[in-house]
PDB file of N, CA and C in Angstrom:
ATOM      1  N   UNK A   1      -1.985  -9.359  -7.173  1.00  0.00           N
ATOM      2  CA  UNK A   1      -0.531  -9.374  -7.244  1.00  0.00           C
ATOM      3  C   UNK A   1      -0.044 -10.662  -6.608  1.00  0.00           C
ATOM      4  N   UNK A   2       0.409 -11.585  -7.408  1.00  0.00           N
ATOM      5  CA  UNK A   2       0.838 -12.878  -6.905  1.00  0.00           C
ATOM      6  C   UNK A   2       2.346 -13.034  -6.840  1.00  0.00           C
ATOM      7  N   UNK A   3       3.101 -12.023  -7.218  1.00  0.00           N
ATOM      8  CA  UNK A   3       4.547 -12.156  -7.226  1.00  0.00           C
ATOM      9  C   UNK A   3       5.201 -11.670  -5.937  1.00  0.00           C
ATOM     10  N   UNK A   4       4.403 -11.363  -4.922  1.00  0.00           N
ATOM     11  CA  UNK A   4       4.941 -10.968  -3.619  1.00  0.00           C
ATOM     12  C   UNK A   4       5.200 -12.242  -2.802  1.00  0.00           C
ATOM     13  N   UNK A   5       6.401 -12.366  -2.299  1.00  0.00           N
ATOM     14  CA  UNK A   5       6.724 -13.534  -1.486  1.00  0.00           C
ATOM     15  C   UNK A   5       6.273 -13.317  -0.048  1.00  0.00           C
ATOM     16  N   UNK A   6       6.268 -14.390   0.720  1.00  0.00           N
ATOM     17  CA  UNK A   6       5.935 -14.290   2.134  1.00  0.00           C
ATOM     18  C   UNK A   6       6.915 -13.357   2.836  1.00  0.00           C
ATOM     19  N   UNK A   7       8.172 -13.437   2.450  1.00  0.00           N
ATOM     20  CA  UNK A   7       9.189 -12.555   3.043  1.00  0.00           C
ATOM     21  C   UNK A   7       8.901 -11.087   2.706  1.00  0.00           C
ATOM     22  N   UNK A   8       8.451 -10.816   1.480  1.00  0.00           N
ATOM     23  CA  UNK A   8       8.087  -9.447   1.088  1.00  0.00           C
ATOM     24  C   UNK A   8       6.945  -8.929   1.966  1.00  0.00           C
ATOM     25  N   UNK A   9       5.911  -9.743   2.116  1.00  0.00           N
ATOM     26  CA  UNK A   9       4.753  -9.343   2.919  1.00  0.00           C
ATOM     27  C   UNK A   9       5.151  -9.095   4.369  1.00  0.00           C
ATOM     28  N   UNK A  10       5.977  -9.973   4.914  1.00  0.00           N
ATOM     29  CA  UNK A  10       6.426  -9.805   6.301  1.00  0.00           C
ATOM     30  C   UNK A  10       7.281  -8.546   6.451  1.00  0.00           C
ATOM     31  N   UNK A  11       8.085  -8.228   5.452  1.00  0.00           N
ATOM     32  CA  UNK A  11       8.920  -7.024   5.499  1.00  0.00           C
ATOM     33  C   UNK A  11       8.057  -5.765   5.485  1.00  0.00           C
ATOM     34  N   UNK A  12       7.023  -5.744   4.649  1.00  0.00           N
ATOM     35  CA  UNK A  12       6.110  -4.596   4.625  1.00  0.00           C
ATOM     36  C   UNK A  12       5.425  -4.456   5.979  1.00  0.00           C
ATOM     37  N   UNK A  13       4.937  -5.569   6.503  1.00  0.00           N
ATOM     38  CA  UNK A  13       4.271  -5.541   7.811  1.00  0.00           C
ATOM     39  C   UNK A  13       5.225  -5.027   8.892  1.00  0.00           C
ATOM     40  N   UNK A  14       6.456  -5.509   8.892  1.00  0.00           N
ATOM     41  CA  UNK A  14       7.434  -5.078   9.896  1.00  0.00           C
ATOM     42  C   UNK A  14       7.713  -3.579   9.781  1.00  0.00           C
ATOM     43  N   UNK A  15       7.837  -3.090   8.556  1.00  0.00           N
ATOM     44  CA  UNK A  15       8.117  -1.668   8.344  1.00  0.00           C
ATOM     45  C   UNK A  15       6.974  -0.784   8.860  1.00  0.00           C
ATOM     46  N   UNK A  16       5.750  -1.305   8.820  1.00  0.00           N
ATOM     47  CA  UNK A  16       4.588  -0.538   9.269  1.00  0.00           C
ATOM     48  C   UNK A  16       4.194  -0.849  10.712  1.00  0.00           C
ATOM     49  N   UNK A  17       4.934  -1.749  11.352  1.00  0.00           N
ATOM     50  CA  UNK A  17       4.632  -2.099  12.736  1.00  0.00           C
ATOM     51  C   UNK A  17       3.450  -3.040  12.893  1.00  0.00           C
ATOM     52  N   UNK A  18       3.140  -3.805  11.843  1.00  0.00           N
ATOM     53  CA  UNK A  18       2.035  -4.762  11.879  1.00  0.00           C
ATOM     54  C   UNK A  18       2.557  -6.106  12.368  1.00  0.00           C
ATOM     55  N   UNK A  19       1.937  -6.619  13.424  1.00  0.00           N
ATOM     56  CA  UNK A  19       2.333  -7.931  13.943  1.00  0.00           C
ATOM     57  C   UNK A  19       1.790  -9.038  13.048  1.00  0.00           C
ATOM     58  N   UNK A  20       2.619 -10.030  12.785  1.00  0.00           N
ATOM     59  CA  UNK A  20       2.200 -11.193  12.002  1.00  0.00           C
ATOM     60  C   UNK A  20       2.322 -12.437  12.864  1.00  0.00           C
ATOM     61  N   UNK A  21       1.572 -13.449  12.477  1.00  0.00           N
ATOM     62  CA  UNK A  21       1.627 -14.731  13.159  1.00  0.00           C
ATOM     63  C   UNK A  21       1.635 -15.806  12.082  1.00  0.00           C
ATOM     64  N   UNK A  22       2.362 -16.875  12.301  1.00  0.00           N
ATOM     65  CA  UNK A  22       2.396 -17.982  11.354  1.00  0.00           C
ATOM     66  C   UNK A  22       1.581 -19.131  11.931  1.00  0.00           C
ATOM     67  N   UNK A  23       0.670 -19.662  11.115  1.00  0.00           N
ATOM     68  CA  UNK A  23      -0.155 -20.792  11.535  1.00  0.00           C
ATOM     69  C   UNK A  23      -0.084 -21.885  10.479  1.00  0.00           C
ATOM     70  N   UNK A  24      -0.512 -23.072  10.839  1.00  0.00           N
ATOM     71  CA  UNK A  24      -0.659 -24.171   9.893  1.00  0.00           C
ATOM     72  C   UNK A  24      -2.137 -24.518   9.847  1.00  0.00           C
ATOM     73  N   UNK A  25      -2.723 -24.514   8.640  1.00  0.00           N
ATOM     74  CA  UNK A  25      -4.148 -24.814   8.525  1.00  0.00           C
ATOM     75  C   UNK A  25      -4.385 -26.321   8.527  1.00  0.00           C
ATOM     76  N   UNK A  26      -5.646 -26.708   8.412  1.00  0.00           N
ATOM     77  CA  UNK A  26      -6.000 -28.128   8.495  1.00  0.00           C
ATOM     78  C   UNK A  26      -5.489 -28.944   7.317  1.00  0.00           C
ATOM     79  N   UNK A  27      -5.046 -28.284   6.257  1.00  0.00           N
ATOM     80  CA  UNK A  27      -4.495 -28.976   5.095  1.00  0.00           C
ATOM     81  C   UNK A  27      -2.965 -29.046   5.138  1.00  0.00           C
ATOM     82  N   UNK A  28      -2.385 -28.533   6.232  1.00  0.00           N
ATOM     83  CA  UNK A  28      -0.940 -28.567   6.385  1.00  0.00           C
ATOM     84  C   UNK A  28      -0.205 -27.403   5.750  1.00  0.00           C
ATOM     85  N   UNK A  29      -0.953 -26.419   5.257  1.00  0.00           N
ATOM     86  CA  UNK A  29      -0.306 -25.255   4.642  1.00  0.00           C
ATOM     87  C   UNK A  29       0.099 -24.262   5.727  1.00  0.00           C
ATOM     88  N   UNK A  30       1.262 -23.654   5.546  1.00  0.00           N
ATOM     89  CA  UNK A  30       1.734 -22.624   6.467  1.00  0.00           C
ATOM     90  C   UNK A  30       1.263 -21.270   5.941  1.00  0.00           C
ATOM     91  N   UNK A  31       0.591 -20.506   6.811  1.00  0.00           N
ATOM     92  CA  UNK A  31       0.033 -19.218   6.427  1.00  0.00           C
ATOM     93  C   UNK A  31       0.504 -18.133   7.381  1.00  0.00           C
ATOM     94  N   UNK A  32       0.685 -16.936   6.852  1.00  0.00           N
ATOM     95  CA  UNK A  32       0.971 -15.770   7.676  1.00  0.00           C
ATOM     96  C   UNK A  32      -0.335 -15.023   7.855  1.00  0.00           C
ATOM     97  N   UNK A  33      -0.692 -14.717   9.107  1.00  0.00           N
ATOM     98  CA  UNK A  33      -1.957 -14.036   9.376  1.00  0.00           C
ATOM     99  C   UNK A  33      -1.707 -12.750  10.165  1.00  0.00           C
ATOM    100  N   UNK A  34      -2.659 -11.825  10.015  1.00  0.00           N
ATOM    101  CA  UNK A  34      -2.637 -10.578  10.781  1.00  0.00           C
ATOM    102  C   UNK A  34      -4.030 -10.354  11.357  1.00  0.00           C
ATOM    103  N   UNK A  35      -4.116  -9.552  12.397  1.00  0.00           N
ATOM    104  CA  UNK A  35      -5.408  -9.269  13.017  1.00  0.00           C
ATOM    105  C   UNK A  35      -6.042  -8.025  12.377  1.00  0.00           C
ATOM    106  N   UNK A  36      -7.227  -7.669  12.866  1.00  0.00           N
ATOM    107  CA  UNK A  36      -7.957  -6.540  12.284  1.00  0.00           C
ATOM    108  C   UNK A  36      -7.162  -5.239  12.382  1.00  0.00           C
ATOM    109  N   UNK A  37      -6.527  -5.019  13.504  1.00  0.00           N
ATOM    110  CA  UNK A  37      -5.727  -3.795  13.654  1.00  0.00           C
ATOM    111  C   UNK A  37      -4.653  -3.727  12.575  1.00  0.00           C
ATOM    112  N   UNK A  38      -3.988  -4.854  12.333  1.00  0.00           N
ATOM    113  CA  UNK A  38      -2.970  -4.904  11.293  1.00  0.00           C
ATOM    114  C   UNK A  38      -3.536  -4.660   9.909  1.00  0.00           C
ATOM    115  N   UNK A  39      -4.727  -5.227   9.657  1.00  0.00           N
ATOM    116  CA  UNK A  39      -5.379  -4.999   8.366  1.00  0.00           C
ATOM    117  C   UNK A  39      -5.675  -3.520   8.167  1.00  0.00           C
ATOM    118  N   UNK A  40      -6.096  -2.861   9.232  1.00  0.00           N
ATOM    119  CA  UNK A  40      -6.431  -1.432   9.132  1.00  0.00           C
ATOM    120  C   UNK A  40      -5.181  -0.576   8.901  1.00  0.00           C
ATOM    121  N   UNK A  41      -4.071  -0.972   9.518  1.00  0.00           N
ATOM    122  CA  UNK A  41      -2.808  -0.254   9.292  1.00  0.00           C
ATOM    123  C   UNK A  41      -2.381  -0.402   7.831  1.00  0.00           C
ATOM    124  N   UNK A  42      -2.462  -1.627   7.309  1.00  0.00           N
ATOM    125  CA  UNK A  42      -2.108  -1.843   5.907  1.00  0.00           C
ATOM    126  C   UNK A  42      -3.034  -1.058   4.984  1.00  0.00           C
ATOM    127  N   UNK A  43      -4.331  -1.057   5.296  1.00  0.00           N
ATOM    128  CA  UNK A  43      -5.295  -0.314   4.468  1.00  0.00           C
ATOM    129  C   UNK A  43      -4.983   1.175   4.484  1.00  0.00           C
ATOM    130  N   UNK A  44      -4.662   1.711   5.652  1.00  0.00           N
ATOM    131  CA  UNK A  44      -4.368   3.140   5.775  1.00  0.00           C
ATOM    132  C   UNK A  44      -3.125   3.536   4.983  1.00  0.00           C
ATOM    133  N   UNK A  45      -2.241   2.591   4.759  1.00  0.00           N
ATOM    134  CA  UNK A  45      -1.001   2.864   4.030  1.00  0.00           C
ATOM    135  C   UNK A  45      -1.045   2.382   2.588  1.00  0.00           C
ATOM    136  N   UNK A  46      -2.220   2.005   2.128  1.00  0.00           N
ATOM    137  CA  UNK A  46      -2.366   1.522   0.752  1.00  0.00           C
ATOM    138  C   UNK A  46      -2.481   2.709  -0.214  1.00  0.00           C
ATOM    139  N   UNK A  47      -2.375   2.461  -1.520  1.00  0.00           N
ATOM    140  CA  UNK A  47      -2.516   3.554  -2.493  1.00  0.00           C
ATOM    141  C   UNK A  47      -3.878   4.248  -2.418  1.00  0.00           C
ATOM    142  N   UNK A  48      -4.926   3.532  -2.002  1.00  0.00           N
ATOM    143  CA  UNK A  48      -6.260   4.104  -1.876  1.00  0.00           C
ATOM    144  C   UNK A  48      -6.798   3.743  -0.488  1.00  0.00           C
ATOM    145  N   UNK A  49      -6.440   4.527   0.539  1.00  0.00           N
ATOM    146  CA  UNK A  49      -6.816   4.189   1.911  1.00  0.00           C
ATOM    147  C   UNK A  49      -8.320   4.027   2.142  1.00  0.00           C
ATOM    148  N   UNK A  50      -9.136   4.839   1.495  1.00  0.00           N
ATOM    149  CA  UNK A  50     -10.588   4.724   1.689  1.00  0.00           C
ATOM    150  C   UNK A  50     -11.090   3.374   1.185  1.00  0.00           C
ATOM    151  N   UNK A  51     -10.620   2.971   0.022  1.00  0.00           N
ATOM    152  CA  UNK A  51     -11.002   1.654  -0.514  1.00  0.00           C
ATOM    153  C   UNK A  51     -10.455   0.539   0.359  1.00  0.00           C
ATOM    154  N   UNK A  52      -9.232   0.689   0.827  1.00  0.00           N
ATOM    155  CA  UNK A  52      -8.643  -0.316   1.708  1.00  0.00           C
ATOM    156  C   UNK A  52      -9.444  -0.502   2.983  1.00  0.00           C
ATOM    157  N   UNK A  53      -9.875   0.595   3.566  1.00  0.00           N
ATOM    158  CA  UNK A  53     -10.686   0.508   4.790  1.00  0.00           C
ATOM    159  C   UNK A  53     -12.048  -0.114   4.492  1.00  0.00           C
ATOM    160  N   UNK A  54     -12.641   0.232   3.356  1.00  0.00           N
ATOM    161  CA  UNK A  54     -13.939  -0.336   2.980  1.00  0.00           C
ATOM    162  C   UNK A  54     -13.828  -1.852   2.773  1.00  0.00           C
ATOM    163  N   UNK A  55     -12.762  -2.295   2.129  1.00  0.00           N
ATOM    164  CA  UNK A  55     -12.565  -3.733   1.935  1.00  0.00           C
ATOM    165  C   UNK A  55     -12.341  -4.437   3.273  1.00  0.00           C
ATOM    166  N   UNK A  56     -11.597  -3.801   4.161  1.00  0.00           N
ATOM    167  CA  UNK A  56     -11.386  -4.367   5.496  1.00  0.00           C
ATOM    168  C   UNK A  56     -12.715  -4.484   6.229  1.00  0.00           C
ATOM    169  N   UNK A  57     -13.568  -3.469   6.126  1.00  0.00           N
ATOM    170  CA  UNK A  57     -14.898  -3.532   6.731  1.00  0.00           C
ATOM    171  C   UNK A  57     -15.684  -4.724   6.205  1.00  0.00           C
ATOM    172  N   UNK A  58     -15.632  -4.948   4.882  1.00  0.00           N
ATOM    173  CA  UNK A  58     -16.361  -6.064   4.272  1.00  0.00           C
ATOM    174  C   UNK A  58     -15.833  -7.411   4.756  1.00  0.00           C
ATOM    175  N   UNK A  59     -14.520  -7.544   4.786  1.00  0.00           N
ATOM    176  CA  UNK A  59     -13.915  -8.796   5.234  1.00  0.00           C
ATOM    177  C   UNK A  59     -14.281  -9.078   6.690  1.00  0.00           C
ATOM    178  N   UNK A  60     -14.158  -8.069   7.535  1.00  0.00           N
ATOM    179  CA  UNK A  60     -14.447  -8.272   8.956  1.00  0.00           C
ATOM    180  C   UNK A  60     -15.932  -8.563   9.195  1.00  0.00           C
ATOM    181  N   UNK A  61     -16.815  -7.934   8.436  1.00  0.00           N
ATOM    182  CA  UNK A  61     -18.253  -8.215   8.565  1.00  0.00           C
ATOM    183  C   UNK A  61     -18.546  -9.660   8.170  1.00  0.00           C
ATOM    184  N   UNK A  62     -17.914 -10.131   7.102  1.00  0.00           N
ATOM    185  CA  UNK A  62     -18.125 -11.517   6.666  1.00  0.00           C
ATOM    186  C   UNK A  62     -17.605 -12.506   7.702  1.00  0.00           C
ATOM    187  N   UNK A  63     -16.459 -12.209   8.290  1.00  0.00           N
ATOM    188  CA  UNK A  63     -15.887 -13.092   9.315  1.00  0.00           C
ATOM    189  C   UNK A  63     -16.790 -13.126  10.545  1.00  0.00           C
ATOM    190  N   UNK A  64     -17.241 -11.954  10.961  1.00  0.00           N
ATOM    191  CA  UNK A  64     -18.116 -11.902  12.150  1.00  0.00           C
ATOM    192  C   UNK A  64     -19.419 -12.668  11.911  1.00  0.00           C
ATOM    193  N   UNK A  65     -19.972 -12.530  10.720  1.00  0.00           N
ATOM    194  CA  UNK A  65     -21.216 -13.244  10.393  1.00  0.00           C
ATOM    195  C   UNK A  65     -20.978 -14.753  10.348  1.00  0.00           C
ATOM    196  N   UNK A  66     -19.919 -15.155   9.693  1.00  0.00           N
ATOM    197  CA  UNK A  66     -19.615 -16.589   9.543  1.00  0.00           C
ATOM    198  C   UNK A  66     -19.347 -17.268  10.877  1.00  0.00           C
ATOM    199  N   UNK A  67     -18.629 -16.592  11.754  1.00  0.00           N
ATOM    200  CA  UNK A  67     -18.201 -17.216  13.008  1.00  0.00           C
ATOM    201  C   UNK A  67     -18.953 -16.705  14.234  1.00  0.00           C
ATOM    202  N   UNK A  68     -19.961 -15.866  14.020  1.00  0.00           N
ATOM    203  CA  UNK A  68     -20.786 -15.400  15.125  1.00  0.00           C
ATOM    204  C   UNK A  68     -20.035 -14.556  16.138  1.00  0.00           C
ATOM    205  N   UNK A  69     -19.114 -13.746  15.669  1.00  0.00           N
ATOM    206  CA  UNK A  69     -18.310 -12.917  16.564  1.00  0.00           C
ATOM    207  C   UNK A  69     -18.969 -11.585  16.821  1.00  0.00           C
TER     208      UNK A  69
END
């Protein structure tokens, strides 16, 4: 779904109590980021919570492996 604006995403996060942070990457792009807790809240409120949690598990495992966390 590419038609969601940054404001839309931030509004959903705010409604669910998910904290967001704005960063600038090394290419100068402004990005909105959330932490693992926020990802889990969004997954739990998704149309398919089990799939959302499984995808969050995959993303977090890849991040931990890549960055040695």
